[in-house]
Every structure is written in structure tokens, then in C-alpha cells.
Amino acid sequence: MRSTVRPVAARVSAAPDVLVWVRGLVSLAFVLLVPLLIIGTSLRGLVTDRDLMLRGFRDNQVAKTTGLDDPQLQRIADAFVAYFQGPPGQIQMQVTAFGQSRPLFNDKEITHMEDV
């Protein structure tokens, strides 16, 4: 008996190369995005920390230099927290500084806050 050996056709497939490429891309994205997620979450926590803001007001003597009293500074800290946690909007409010009622921010500051 004679045995016949049939040649096996070589399979050419790009699937393994694509999988290696996709795996590398996902790994790279993971390595880059996880630190950004951690940093972003930490910064958001700092920006929306009312007590940290009030401590900064005290340390920098904001009441003395602006003429705003503690209850107003607490309202301002609450407004900042609400502004950064909520949907885009206005942060303007009326305050009494050195005995005169006035808006907290000027037009330039409001425009800057809209950009933030």
C-alpha cells in the first residue's frame, strides 16, 4: 500500500497580530489613564473640600483683606463647592465688603470662572 501525504495548506491569518496590537494598545491606555483618573479624582476632592477652602481663607487672612465676615466667607465656600459640583452656571453673588454691598466677582472674573 502506498500512502499518500497531502500537503497541508499553510494558514495565513492576521488575527494573532491584531490581538497582540489591541492588547498592547489596551495596556498602554490603562497605564496612561489610571494615573490620570487618580489625579483627577484627588484634585476634584480638593477643589470641593469646603473645610480646606475655609482654612485657606483663614490662613491667607481673606476676611481682613476683603472686608468679608466669616458667615459670608462660609457662603462663598458653599457657592464654590456647588459651582464645581453642579452643571455649568453662574457663581455671582452679592456680598457686603467694608460696609458696602457689591457683587463678589467682576466681569473678568466671571468670564474666567466660565472657562474653568
PDB file of N, CA and C in Angstrom:
ATOM      1  N   MET A   1       0.802  -1.161   0.000  1.00  0.00           N
ATOM      2  CA  MET A   1       0.000   0.000   0.000  1.00  0.00           C
ATOM      3  C   MET A   1       0.854   1.237   0.000  1.00  0.00           C
ATOM      4  N   ARG A   2       0.365   2.045  -0.723  1.00  0.00           N
ATOM      5  CA  ARG A   2       1.079   3.293  -0.862  1.00  0.00           C
ATOM      6  C   ARG A   2       0.351   4.384  -0.078  1.00  0.00           C
ATOM      7  N   SER A   3       1.088   5.102   0.740  1.00  0.00           N
ATOM      8  CA  SER A   3       0.437   6.170   1.494  1.00  0.00           C
ATOM      9  C   SER A   3       0.675   7.490   0.779  1.00  0.00           C
ATOM     10  N   THR A   4      -0.338   8.205   0.749  1.00  0.00           N
ATOM     11  CA  THR A   4      -0.273   9.495   0.089  1.00  0.00           C
ATOM     12  C   THR A   4      -0.266  10.583   1.149  1.00  0.00           C
ATOM     13  N   VAL A   5       0.716  11.413   1.073  1.00  0.00           N
ATOM     14  CA  VAL A   5       0.800  12.534   2.010  1.00  0.00           C
ATOM     15  C   VAL A   5       0.311  13.768   1.277  1.00  0.00           C
ATOM     16  N   ARG A   6      -0.703  14.310   1.809  1.00  0.00           N
ATOM     17  CA  ARG A   6      -1.234  15.525   1.198  1.00  0.00           C
ATOM     18  C   ARG A   6      -0.629  16.738   1.890  1.00  0.00           C
ATOM     19  N   PRO A   7      -0.169  17.673   1.117  1.00  0.00           N
ATOM     20  CA  PRO A   7       0.397  18.869   1.754  1.00  0.00           C
ATOM     21  C   PRO A   7      -0.699  19.667   2.469  1.00  0.00           C
ATOM     22  N   VAL A   8      -0.340  20.124   3.657  1.00  0.00           N
ATOM     23  CA  VAL A   8      -1.279  20.934   4.447  1.00  0.00           C
ATOM     24  C   VAL A   8      -1.090  22.387   4.029  1.00  0.00           C
ATOM     25  N   ALA A   9      -2.169  22.981   3.673  1.00  0.00           N
ATOM     26  CA  ALA A   9      -2.101  24.388   3.254  1.00  0.00           C
ATOM     27  C   ALA A   9      -1.788  25.252   4.474  1.00  0.00           C
ATOM     28  N   ALA A  10      -0.840  26.071   4.290  1.00  0.00           N
ATOM     29  CA  ALA A  10      -0.468  26.979   5.377  1.00  0.00           C
ATOM     30  C   ALA A  10      -1.558  28.016   5.577  1.00  0.00           C
ATOM     31  N   ARG A  11      -1.923  28.171   6.814  1.00  0.00           N
ATOM     32  CA  ARG A  11      -2.959  29.155   7.103  1.00  0.00           C
ATOM     33  C   ARG A  11      -2.294  30.497   7.362  1.00  0.00           C
ATOM     34  N   VAL A  12      -2.788  31.466   6.681  1.00  0.00           N
ATOM     35  CA  VAL A  12      -2.286  32.817   6.875  1.00  0.00           C
ATOM     36  C   VAL A  12      -3.417  33.608   7.525  1.00  0.00           C
ATOM     37  N   SER A  13      -3.139  34.073   8.717  1.00  0.00           N
ATOM     38  CA  SER A  13      -4.171  34.804   9.438  1.00  0.00           C
ATOM     39  C   SER A  13      -3.533  35.999  10.129  1.00  0.00           C
ATOM     40  N   ALA A  14      -4.203  37.124  10.024  1.00  0.00           N
ATOM     41  CA  ALA A  14      -3.721  38.339  10.670  1.00  0.00           C
ATOM     42  C   ALA A  14      -4.298  38.474  12.064  1.00  0.00           C
ATOM     43  N   ALA A  15      -5.186  37.562  12.462  1.00  0.00           N
ATOM     44  CA  ALA A  15      -5.855  37.673  13.756  1.00  0.00           C
ATOM     45  C   ALA A  15      -4.882  37.702  14.932  1.00  0.00           C
ATOM     46  N   PRO A  16      -3.880  36.840  15.008  1.00  0.00           N
ATOM     47  CA  PRO A  16      -2.966  36.920  16.148  1.00  0.00           C
ATOM     48  C   PRO A  16      -2.218  38.258  16.208  1.00  0.00           C
ATOM     49  N   ASP A  17      -1.830  38.804  15.075  1.00  0.00           N
ATOM     50  CA  ASP A  17      -1.141  40.091  15.072  1.00  0.00           C
ATOM     51  C   ASP A  17      -2.057  41.214  15.560  1.00  0.00           C
ATOM     52  N   VAL A  18      -3.301  41.158  15.142  1.00  0.00           N
ATOM     53  CA  VAL A  18      -4.263  42.172  15.569  1.00  0.00           C
ATOM     54  C   VAL A  18      -4.513  42.068  17.071  1.00  0.00           C
ATOM     55  N   LEU A  19      -4.622  40.857  17.580  1.00  0.00           N
ATOM     56  CA  LEU A  19      -4.844  40.669  19.007  1.00  0.00           C
ATOM     57  C   LEU A  19      -3.667  41.185  19.830  1.00  0.00           C
ATOM     58  N   VAL A  20      -2.466  40.941  19.373  1.00  0.00           N
ATOM     59  CA  VAL A  20      -1.287  41.444  20.068  1.00  0.00           C
ATOM     60  C   VAL A  20      -1.284  42.967  20.047  1.00  0.00           C
ATOM     61  N   TRP A  21      -1.621  43.548  18.925  1.00  0.00           N
ATOM     62  CA  TRP A  21      -1.662  45.002  18.785  1.00  0.00           C
ATOM     63  C   TRP A  21      -2.731  45.604  19.698  1.00  0.00           C
ATOM     64  N   VAL A  22      -3.920  45.006  19.716  1.00  0.00           N
ATOM     65  CA  VAL A  22      -5.015  45.503  20.553  1.00  0.00           C
ATOM     66  C   VAL A  22      -4.651  45.347  22.031  1.00  0.00           C
ATOM     67  N   ARG A  23      -4.071  44.225  22.396  1.00  0.00           N
ATOM     68  CA  ARG A  23      -3.666  44.009  23.779  1.00  0.00           C
ATOM     69  C   ARG A  23      -2.646  45.069  24.214  1.00  0.00           C
ATOM     70  N   GLY A  24      -1.704  45.373  23.351  1.00  0.00           N
ATOM     71  CA  GLY A  24      -0.716  46.409  23.660  1.00  0.00           C
ATOM     72  C   GLY A  24      -1.355  47.775  23.801  1.00  0.00           C
ATOM     73  N   LEU A  25      -2.302  48.076  22.915  1.00  0.00           N
ATOM     74  CA  LEU A  25      -2.993  49.362  22.970  1.00  0.00           C
ATOM     75  C   LEU A  25      -3.814  49.498  24.253  1.00  0.00           C
ATOM     76  N   VAL A  26      -4.503  48.438  24.633  1.00  0.00           N
ATOM     77  CA  VAL A  26      -5.300  48.469  25.866  1.00  0.00           C
ATOM     78  C   VAL A  26      -4.388  48.616  27.081  1.00  0.00           C
ATOM     79  N   SER A  27      -3.267  47.923  27.075  1.00  0.00           N
ATOM     80  CA  SER A  27      -2.317  48.040  28.185  1.00  0.00           C
ATOM     81  C   SER A  27      -1.781  49.466  28.293  1.00  0.00           C
ATOM     82  N   LEU A  28      -1.432  50.057  27.174  1.00  0.00           N
ATOM     83  CA  LEU A  28      -0.926  51.424  27.166  1.00  0.00           C
ATOM     84  C   LEU A  28      -1.984  52.397  27.671  1.00  0.00           C
ATOM     85  N   ALA A  29      -3.215  52.234  27.209  1.00  0.00           N
ATOM     86  CA  ALA A  29      -4.307  53.103  27.662  1.00  0.00           C
ATOM     87  C   ALA A  29      -4.507  52.962  29.166  1.00  0.00           C
ATOM     88  N   PHE A  30      -4.453  51.751  29.665  1.00  0.00           N
ATOM     89  CA  PHE A  30      -4.613  51.505  31.100  1.00  0.00           C
ATOM     90  C   PHE A  30      -3.507  52.190  31.890  1.00  0.00           C
ATOM     91  N   VAL A  31      -2.270  52.042  31.438  1.00  0.00           N
ATOM     92  CA  VAL A  31      -1.121  52.632  32.134  1.00  0.00           C
ATOM     93  C   VAL A  31      -1.207  54.160  32.138  1.00  0.00           C
ATOM     94  N   LEU A  32      -1.710  54.750  31.068  1.00  0.00           N
ATOM     95  CA  LEU A  32      -1.806  56.209  30.992  1.00  0.00           C
ATOM     96  C   LEU A  32      -3.037  56.757  31.702  1.00  0.00           C
ATOM     97  N   LEU A  33      -4.162  56.059  31.619  1.00  0.00           N
ATOM     98  CA  LEU A  33      -5.416  56.612  32.125  1.00  0.00           C
ATOM     99  C   LEU A  33      -5.635  56.400  33.614  1.00  0.00           C
ATOM    100  N   VAL A  34      -5.124  55.340  34.185  1.00  0.00           N
ATOM    101  CA  VAL A  34      -5.331  55.109  35.620  1.00  0.00           C
ATOM    102  C   VAL A  34      -4.684  56.220  36.454  1.00  0.00           C
ATOM    103  N   PRO A  35      -3.424  56.612  36.185  1.00  0.00           N
ATOM    104  CA  PRO A  35      -2.872  57.739  36.956  1.00  0.00           C
ATOM    105  C   PRO A  35      -3.663  59.037  36.756  1.00  0.00           C
ATOM    106  N   LEU A  36      -4.139  59.284  35.529  1.00  0.00           N
ATOM    107  CA  LEU A  36      -4.948  60.487  35.289  1.00  0.00           C
ATOM    108  C   LEU A  36      -6.250  60.436  36.075  1.00  0.00           C
ATOM    109  N   LEU A  37      -6.838  59.273  36.174  1.00  0.00           N
ATOM    110  CA  LEU A  37      -8.066  59.110  36.949  1.00  0.00           C
ATOM    111  C   LEU A  37      -7.803  59.382  38.430  1.00  0.00           C
ATOM    112  N   ILE A  38      -6.715  58.864  38.945  1.00  0.00           N
ATOM    113  CA  ILE A  38      -6.379  59.072  40.354  1.00  0.00           C
ATOM    114  C   ILE A  38      -6.100  60.550  40.628  1.00  0.00           C
ATOM    115  N   ILE A  39      -5.326  61.184  39.761  1.00  0.00           N
ATOM    116  CA  ILE A  39      -5.001  62.604  39.939  1.00  0.00           C
ATOM    117  C   ILE A  39      -6.267  63.457  39.829  1.00  0.00           C
ATOM    118  N   GLY A  40      -7.088  63.177  38.824  1.00  0.00           N
ATOM    119  CA  GLY A  40      -8.320  63.944  38.643  1.00  0.00           C
ATOM    120  C   GLY A  40      -9.269  63.814  39.820  1.00  0.00           C
ATOM    121  N   THR A  41      -9.398  62.601  40.347  1.00  0.00           N
ATOM    122  CA  THR A  41     -10.269  62.382  41.497  1.00  0.00           C
ATOM    123  C   THR A  41      -9.735  63.109  42.726  1.00  0.00           C
ATOM    124  N   SER A  42      -8.427  63.071  42.910  1.00  0.00           N
ATOM    125  CA  SER A  42      -7.823  63.769  44.050  1.00  0.00           C
ATOM    126  C   SER A  42      -8.017  65.274  43.944  1.00  0.00           C
ATOM    127  N   LEU A  43      -7.803  65.822  42.759  1.00  0.00           N
ATOM    128  CA  LEU A  43      -7.988  67.267  42.569  1.00  0.00           C
ATOM    129  C   LEU A  43      -9.432  67.676  42.777  1.00  0.00           C
ATOM    130  N   ARG A  44     -10.353  66.870  42.292  1.00  0.00           N
ATOM    131  CA  ARG A  44     -11.765  67.187  42.487  1.00  0.00           C
ATOM    132  C   ARG A  44     -12.107  67.184  43.972  1.00  0.00           C
ATOM    133  N   GLY A  45     -11.530  66.246  44.706  1.00  0.00           N
ATOM    134  CA  GLY A  45     -11.751  66.195  46.144  1.00  0.00           C
ATOM    135  C   GLY A  45     -11.227  67.441  46.843  1.00  0.00           C
ATOM    136  N   LEU A  46     -10.074  67.932  46.396  1.00  0.00           N
ATOM    137  CA  LEU A  46      -9.508  69.138  46.999  1.00  0.00           C
ATOM    138  C   LEU A  46     -10.318  70.379  46.652  1.00  0.00           C
ATOM    139  N   VAL A  47     -10.721  70.489  45.404  1.00  0.00           N
ATOM    140  CA  VAL A  47     -11.450  71.679  44.949  1.00  0.00           C
ATOM    141  C   VAL A  47     -12.811  71.778  45.631  1.00  0.00           C
ATOM    142  N   THR A  48     -13.407  70.646  45.951  1.00  0.00           N
ATOM    143  CA  THR A  48     -14.741  70.664  46.545  1.00  0.00           C
ATOM    144  C   THR A  48     -14.717  70.445  48.053  1.00  0.00           C
ATOM    145  N   ASP A  49     -13.567  70.599  48.671  1.00  0.00           N
ATOM    146  CA  ASP A  49     -13.454  70.444  50.121  1.00  0.00           C
ATOM    147  C   ASP A  49     -13.691  71.800  50.791  1.00  0.00           C
ATOM    148  N   ARG A  50     -14.865  71.956  51.358  1.00  0.00           N
ATOM    149  CA  ARG A  50     -15.266  73.220  51.978  1.00  0.00           C
ATOM    150  C   ARG A  50     -14.332  73.600  53.123  1.00  0.00           C
ATOM    151  N   ASP A  51     -13.977  72.637  53.972  1.00  0.00           N
ATOM    152  CA  ASP A  51     -13.115  72.931  55.117  1.00  0.00           C
ATOM    153  C   ASP A  51     -11.728  73.387  54.682  1.00  0.00           C
ATOM    154  N   LEU A  52     -11.205  72.781  53.626  1.00  0.00           N
ATOM    155  CA  LEU A  52      -9.904  73.201  53.101  1.00  0.00           C
ATOM    156  C   LEU A  52      -9.977  74.640  52.587  1.00  0.00           C
ATOM    157  N   MET A  53     -11.090  74.963  51.932  1.00  0.00           N
ATOM    158  CA  MET A  53     -11.276  76.321  51.427  1.00  0.00           C
ATOM    159  C   MET A  53     -11.339  77.327  52.574  1.00  0.00           C
ATOM    160  N   LEU A  54     -12.104  77.006  53.611  1.00  0.00           N
ATOM    161  CA  LEU A  54     -12.230  77.907  54.757  1.00  0.00           C
ATOM    162  C   LEU A  54     -10.894  78.060  55.485  1.00  0.00           C
ATOM    163  N   ARG A  55     -10.122  76.968  55.576  1.00  0.00           N
ATOM    164  CA  ARG A  55      -8.798  77.057  56.191  1.00  0.00           C
ATOM    165  C   ARG A  55      -7.893  77.974  55.359  1.00  0.00           C
ATOM    166  N   GLY A  56      -7.993  77.875  54.053  1.00  0.00           N
ATOM    167  CA  GLY A  56      -7.229  78.760  53.175  1.00  0.00           C
ATOM    168  C   GLY A  56      -7.636  80.216  53.361  1.00  0.00           C
ATOM    169  N   PHE A  57      -8.938  80.454  53.534  1.00  0.00           N
ATOM    170  CA  PHE A  57      -9.405  81.816  53.808  1.00  0.00           C
ATOM    171  C   PHE A  57      -8.774  82.344  55.091  1.00  0.00           C
ATOM    172  N   ARG A  58      -8.752  81.493  56.136  1.00  0.00           N
ATOM    173  CA  ARG A  58      -8.169  81.914  57.428  1.00  0.00           C
ATOM    174  C   ARG A  58      -6.660  82.131  57.299  1.00  0.00           C
ATOM    175  N   ASP A  59      -5.968  81.163  56.710  1.00  0.00           N
ATOM    176  CA  ASP A  59      -4.502  81.248  56.607  1.00  0.00           C
ATOM    177  C   ASP A  59      -4.047  82.465  55.807  1.00  0.00           C
ATOM    178  N   ASN A  60      -4.822  82.834  54.799  1.00  0.00           N
ATOM    179  CA  ASN A  60      -4.453  83.964  53.938  1.00  0.00           C
ATOM    180  C   ASN A  60      -5.123  85.270  54.361  1.00  0.00           C
ATOM    181  N   GLN A  61      -5.778  85.239  55.510  1.00  0.00           N
ATOM    182  CA  GLN A  61      -6.428  86.430  56.078  1.00  0.00           C
ATOM    183  C   GLN A  61      -7.357  87.119  55.077  1.00  0.00           C
ATOM    184  N   VAL A  62      -8.171  86.306  54.420  1.00  0.00           N
ATOM    185  CA  VAL A  62      -9.082  86.823  53.405  1.00  0.00           C
ATOM    186  C   VAL A  62     -10.098  87.786  54.019  1.00  0.00           C
ATOM    187  N   ALA A  63     -10.566  87.505  55.230  1.00  0.00           N
ATOM    188  CA  ALA A  63     -11.549  88.389  55.869  1.00  0.00           C
ATOM    189  C   ALA A  63     -10.964  89.788  56.071  1.00  0.00           C
ATOM    190  N   LYS A  64      -9.724  89.831  56.461  1.00  0.00           N
ATOM    191  CA  LYS A  64      -9.074  91.115  56.729  1.00  0.00           C
ATOM    192  C   LYS A  64      -8.844  91.907  55.435  1.00  0.00           C
ATOM    193  N   THR A  65      -8.390  91.232  54.399  1.00  0.00           N
ATOM    194  CA  THR A  65      -8.044  91.947  53.161  1.00  0.00           C
ATOM    195  C   THR A  65      -9.251  92.281  52.296  1.00  0.00           C
ATOM    196  N   THR A  66     -10.335  91.504  52.429  1.00  0.00           N
ATOM    197  CA  THR A  66     -11.504  91.752  51.577  1.00  0.00           C
ATOM    198  C   THR A  66     -12.632  92.471  52.300  1.00  0.00           C
ATOM    199  N   GLY A  67     -12.601  92.453  53.637  1.00  0.00           N
ATOM    200  CA  GLY A  67     -13.687  93.074  54.389  1.00  0.00           C
ATOM    201  C   GLY A  67     -14.912  92.188  54.506  1.00  0.00           C
ATOM    202  N   LEU A  68     -14.780  90.913  54.169  1.00  0.00           N
ATOM    203  CA  LEU A  68     -15.894  89.968  54.275  1.00  0.00           C
ATOM    204  C   LEU A  68     -15.833  89.283  55.630  1.00  0.00           C
ATOM    205  N   ASP A  69     -17.009  89.097  56.267  1.00  0.00           N
ATOM    206  CA  ASP A  69     -17.020  88.417  57.557  1.00  0.00           C
ATOM    207  C   ASP A  69     -17.119  86.900  57.367  1.00  0.00           C
ATOM    208  N   ASP A  70     -16.965  86.159  58.477  1.00  0.00           N
ATOM    209  CA  ASP A  70     -16.943  84.692  58.399  1.00  0.00           C
ATOM    210  C   ASP A  70     -18.218  84.083  57.808  1.00  0.00           C
ATOM    211  N   PRO A  71     -19.417  84.540  58.196  1.00  0.00           N
ATOM    212  CA  PRO A  71     -20.616  83.956  57.577  1.00  0.00           C
ATOM    213  C   PRO A  71     -20.635  84.144  56.045  1.00  0.00           C
ATOM    214  N   GLN A  72     -20.168  85.287  55.563  1.00  0.00           N
ATOM    215  CA  GLN A  72     -20.121  85.497  54.108  1.00  0.00           C
ATOM    216  C   GLN A  72     -19.086  84.581  53.460  1.00  0.00           C
ATOM    217  N   LEU A  73     -17.934  84.424  54.121  1.00  0.00           N
ATOM    218  CA  LEU A  73     -16.906  83.533  53.574  1.00  0.00           C
ATOM    219  C   LEU A  73     -17.398  82.086  53.544  1.00  0.00           C
ATOM    220  N   GLN A  74     -18.183  81.700  54.533  1.00  0.00           N
ATOM    221  CA  GLN A  74     -18.759  80.356  54.526  1.00  0.00           C
ATOM    222  C   GLN A  74     -19.753  80.201  53.373  1.00  0.00           C
ATOM    223  N   ARG A  75     -20.563  81.231  53.132  1.00  0.00           N
ATOM    224  CA  ARG A  75     -21.482  81.211  51.986  1.00  0.00           C
ATOM    225  C   ARG A  75     -20.713  81.121  50.672  1.00  0.00           C
ATOM    226  N   ILE A  76     -19.609  81.858  50.589  1.00  0.00           N
ATOM    227  CA  ILE A  76     -18.790  81.848  49.369  1.00  0.00           C
ATOM    228  C   ILE A  76     -18.182  80.466  49.162  1.00  0.00           C
ATOM    229  N   ALA A  77     -17.674  79.852  50.246  1.00  0.00           N
ATOM    230  CA  ALA A  77     -17.119  78.494  50.134  1.00  0.00           C
ATOM    231  C   ALA A  77     -18.204  77.521  49.667  1.00  0.00           C
ATOM    232  N   ASP A  78     -19.401  77.628  50.217  1.00  0.00           N
ATOM    233  CA  ASP A  78     -20.513  76.772  49.783  1.00  0.00           C
ATOM    234  C   ASP A  78     -20.845  76.995  48.310  1.00  0.00           C
ATOM    235  N   ALA A  79     -20.797  78.264  47.887  1.00  0.00           N
ATOM    236  CA  ALA A  79     -21.093  78.580  46.482  1.00  0.00           C
ATOM    237  C   ALA A  79     -20.034  77.990  45.556  1.00  0.00           C
ATOM    238  N   PHE A  80     -18.766  78.045  45.960  1.00  0.00           N
ATOM    239  CA  PHE A  80     -17.709  77.441  45.146  1.00  0.00           C
ATOM    240  C   PHE A  80     -17.902  75.932  45.031  1.00  0.00           C
ATOM    241  N   VAL A  81     -18.185  75.270  46.148  1.00  0.00           N
ATOM    242  CA  VAL A  81     -18.399  73.821  46.124  1.00  0.00           C
ATOM    243  C   VAL A  81     -19.569  73.482  45.209  1.00  0.00           C
ATOM    244  N   ALA A  82     -20.679  74.202  45.347  1.00  0.00           N
ATOM    245  CA  ALA A  82     -21.850  73.955  44.498  1.00  0.00           C
ATOM    246  C   ALA A  82     -21.525  74.219  43.034  1.00  0.00           C
ATOM    247  N   TYR A  83     -20.746  75.264  42.774  1.00  0.00           N
ATOM    248  CA  TYR A  83     -20.384  75.616  41.391  1.00  0.00           C
ATOM    249  C   TYR A  83     -19.568  74.504  40.739  1.00  0.00           C
ATOM    250  N   PHE A  84     -18.584  73.972  41.469  1.00  0.00           N
ATOM    251  CA  PHE A  84     -17.721  72.955  40.887  1.00  0.00           C
ATOM    252  C   PHE A  84     -18.383  71.585  40.824  1.00  0.00           C
ATOM    253  N   GLN A  85     -19.401  71.331  41.640  1.00  0.00           N
ATOM    254  CA  GLN A  85     -20.078  70.040  41.605  1.00  0.00           C
ATOM    255  C   GLN A  85     -21.299  70.030  40.697  1.00  0.00           C
ATOM    256  N   GLY A  86     -21.813  71.186  40.360  1.00  0.00           N
ATOM    257  CA  GLY A  86     -23.038  71.253  39.584  1.00  0.00           C
ATOM    258  C   GLY A  86     -22.787  71.466  38.108  1.00  0.00           C
ATOM    259  N   PRO A  87     -23.876  71.582  37.360  1.00  0.00           N
ATOM    260  CA  PRO A  87     -23.754  71.866  35.933  1.00  0.00           C
ATOM    261  C   PRO A  87     -23.231  73.289  35.725  1.00  0.00           C
ATOM    262  N   PRO A  88     -22.714  73.589  34.552  1.00  0.00           N
ATOM    263  CA  PRO A  88     -22.200  74.942  34.301  1.00  0.00           C
ATOM    264  C   PRO A  88     -23.264  76.000  34.585  1.00  0.00           C
ATOM    265  N   GLY A  89     -22.824  77.085  35.176  1.00  0.00           N
ATOM    266  CA  GLY A  89     -23.740  78.165  35.512  1.00  0.00           C
ATOM    267  C   GLY A  89     -22.979  79.362  36.048  1.00  0.00           C
ATOM    268  N   GLN A  90     -23.709  80.275  36.627  1.00  0.00           N
ATOM    269  CA  GLN A  90     -23.119  81.491  37.186  1.00  0.00           C
ATOM    270  C   GLN A  90     -22.767  81.276  38.650  1.00  0.00           C
ATOM    271  N   ILE A  91     -21.745  81.980  39.111  1.00  0.00           N
ATOM    272  CA  ILE A  91     -21.334  81.895  40.508  1.00  0.00           C
ATOM    273  C   ILE A  91     -21.461  83.258  41.188  1.00  0.00           C
ATOM    274  N   GLN A  92     -22.045  84.209  40.538  1.00  0.00           N
ATOM    275  CA  GLN A  92     -22.135  85.567  41.070  1.00  0.00           C
ATOM    276  C   GLN A  92     -23.027  85.612  42.310  1.00  0.00           C
ATOM    277  N   MET A  93     -22.617  86.421  43.291  1.00  0.00           N
ATOM    278  CA  MET A  93     -23.434  86.655  44.475  1.00  0.00           C
ATOM    279  C   MET A  93     -23.114  88.030  45.045  1.00  0.00           C
ATOM    280  N   GLN A  94     -24.049  88.584  45.792  1.00  0.00           N
ATOM    281  CA  GLN A  94     -23.852  89.888  46.424  1.00  0.00           C
ATOM    282  C   GLN A  94     -23.211  89.690  47.795  1.00  0.00           C
ATOM    283  N   VAL A  95     -22.239  90.527  48.113  1.00  0.00           N
ATOM    284  CA  VAL A  95     -21.582  90.492  49.418  1.00  0.00           C
ATOM    285  C   VAL A  95     -21.507  91.912  49.969  1.00  0.00           C
ATOM    286  N   THR A  96     -21.245  92.011  51.270  1.00  0.00           N
ATOM    287  CA  THR A  96     -21.030  93.305  51.898  1.00  0.00           C
ATOM    288  C   THR A  96     -19.574  93.362  52.333  1.00  0.00           C
ATOM    289  N   ALA A  97     -18.797  94.209  51.656  1.00  0.00           N
ATOM    290  CA  ALA A  97     -17.373  94.349  51.949  1.00  0.00           C
ATOM    291  C   ALA A  97     -17.104  95.770  52.395  1.00  0.00           C
ATOM    292  N   PHE A  98     -16.495  95.894  53.573  1.00  0.00           N
ATOM    293  CA  PHE A  98     -16.189  97.200  54.150  1.00  0.00           C
ATOM    294  C   PHE A  98     -17.437  98.087  54.222  1.00  0.00           C
ATOM    295  N   GLY A  99     -18.588  97.463  54.548  1.00  0.00           N
ATOM    296  CA  GLY A  99     -19.832  98.200  54.726  1.00  0.00           C
ATOM    297  C   GLY A  99     -20.582  98.524  53.448  1.00  0.00           C
ATOM    298  N   GLN A 100     -20.082  98.094  52.279  1.00  0.00           N
ATOM    299  CA  GLN A 100     -20.765  98.382  51.022  1.00  0.00           C
ATOM    300  C   GLN A 100     -21.177  97.075  50.342  1.00  0.00           C
ATOM    301  N   SER A 101     -22.407  97.066  49.865  1.00  0.00           N
ATOM    302  CA  SER A 101     -22.893  95.905  49.128  1.00  0.00           C
ATOM    303  C   SER A 101     -22.387  95.974  47.690  1.00  0.00           C
ATOM    304  N   ARG A 102     -21.856  94.857  47.224  1.00  0.00           N
ATOM    305  CA  ARG A 102     -21.326  94.813  45.850  1.00  0.00           C
ATOM    306  C   ARG A 102     -21.315  93.380  45.367  1.00  0.00           C
ATOM    307  N   PRO A 103     -21.200  93.170  44.044  1.00  0.00           N
ATOM    308  CA  PRO A 103     -21.074  91.801  43.533  1.00  0.00           C
ATOM    309  C   PRO A 103     -19.719  91.217  43.960  1.00  0.00           C
ATOM    310  N   LEU A 104     -19.689  89.928  44.187  1.00  0.00           N
ATOM    311  CA  LEU A 104     -18.447  89.268  44.612  1.00  0.00           C
ATOM    312  C   LEU A 104     -17.399  89.291  43.503  1.00  0.00           C
ATOM    313  N   PHE A 105     -17.822  89.070  42.254  1.00  0.00           N
ATOM    314  CA  PHE A 105     -16.884  88.978  41.130  1.00  0.00           C
ATOM    315  C   PHE A 105     -17.143  90.068  40.109  1.00  0.00           C
ATOM    316  N   ASN A 106     -16.069  90.519  39.444  1.00  0.00           N
ATOM    317  CA  ASN A 106     -16.242  91.449  38.324  1.00  0.00           C
ATOM    318  C   ASN A 106     -16.418  90.628  37.036  1.00  0.00           C
ATOM    319  N   ASP A 107     -16.662  91.298  35.921  1.00  0.00           N
ATOM    320  CA  ASP A 107     -16.934  90.605  34.655  1.00  0.00           C
ATOM    321  C   ASP A 107     -15.769  89.722  34.207  1.00  0.00           C
ATOM    322  N   LYS A 108     -14.563  90.202  34.395  1.00  0.00           N
ATOM    323  CA  LYS A 108     -13.381  89.428  34.000  1.00  0.00           C
ATOM    324  C   LYS A 108     -13.279  88.126  34.812  1.00  0.00           C
ATOM    325  N   GLU A 109     -13.566  88.217  36.102  1.00  0.00           N
ATOM    326  CA  GLU A 109     -13.511  87.019  36.958  1.00  0.00           C
ATOM    327  C   GLU A 109     -14.615  86.027  36.597  1.00  0.00           C
ATOM    328  N   ILE A 110     -15.783  86.540  36.263  1.00  0.00           N
ATOM    329  CA  ILE A 110     -16.884  85.652  35.859  1.00  0.00           C
ATOM    330  C   ILE A 110     -16.530  84.928  34.569  1.00  0.00           C
ATOM    331  N   THR A 111     -15.962  85.648  33.619  1.00  0.00           N
ATOM    332  CA  THR A 111     -15.547  85.016  32.364  1.00  0.00           C
ATOM    333  C   THR A 111     -14.499  83.945  32.631  1.00  0.00           C
ATOM    334  N   HIS A 112     -13.566  84.220  33.514  1.00  0.00           N
ATOM    335  CA  HIS A 112     -12.550  83.227  33.861  1.00  0.00           C
ATOM    336  C   HIS A 112     -13.201  81.977  34.479  1.00  0.00           C
ATOM    337  N   MET A 113     -14.151  82.171  35.392  1.00  0.00           N
ATOM    338  CA  MET A 113     -14.792  81.027  36.026  1.00  0.00           C
ATOM    339  C   MET A 113     -15.583  80.188  35.028  1.00  0.00           C
ATOM    340  N   GLU A 114     -16.147  80.808  34.023  1.00  0.00           N
ATOM    341  CA  GLU A 114     -16.853  80.058  32.989  1.00  0.00           C
ATOM    342  C   GLU A 114     -15.880  79.181  32.200  1.00  0.00           C
ATOM    343  N   ASP A 115     -14.634  79.656  32.033  1.00  0.00           N
ATOM    344  CA  ASP A 115     -13.622  78.866  31.340  1.00  0.00           C
ATOM    345  C   ASP A 115     -13.154  77.680  32.173  1.00  0.00           C
ATOM    346  N   VAL A 116     -13.203  77.838  33.497  1.00  0.00           N
ATOM    347  CA  VAL A 116     -12.745  76.773  34.392  1.00  0.00           C
ATOM    348  C   VAL A 116     -13.776  75.674  34.390  1.00  0.00           C
TER     349      VAL A 116
END
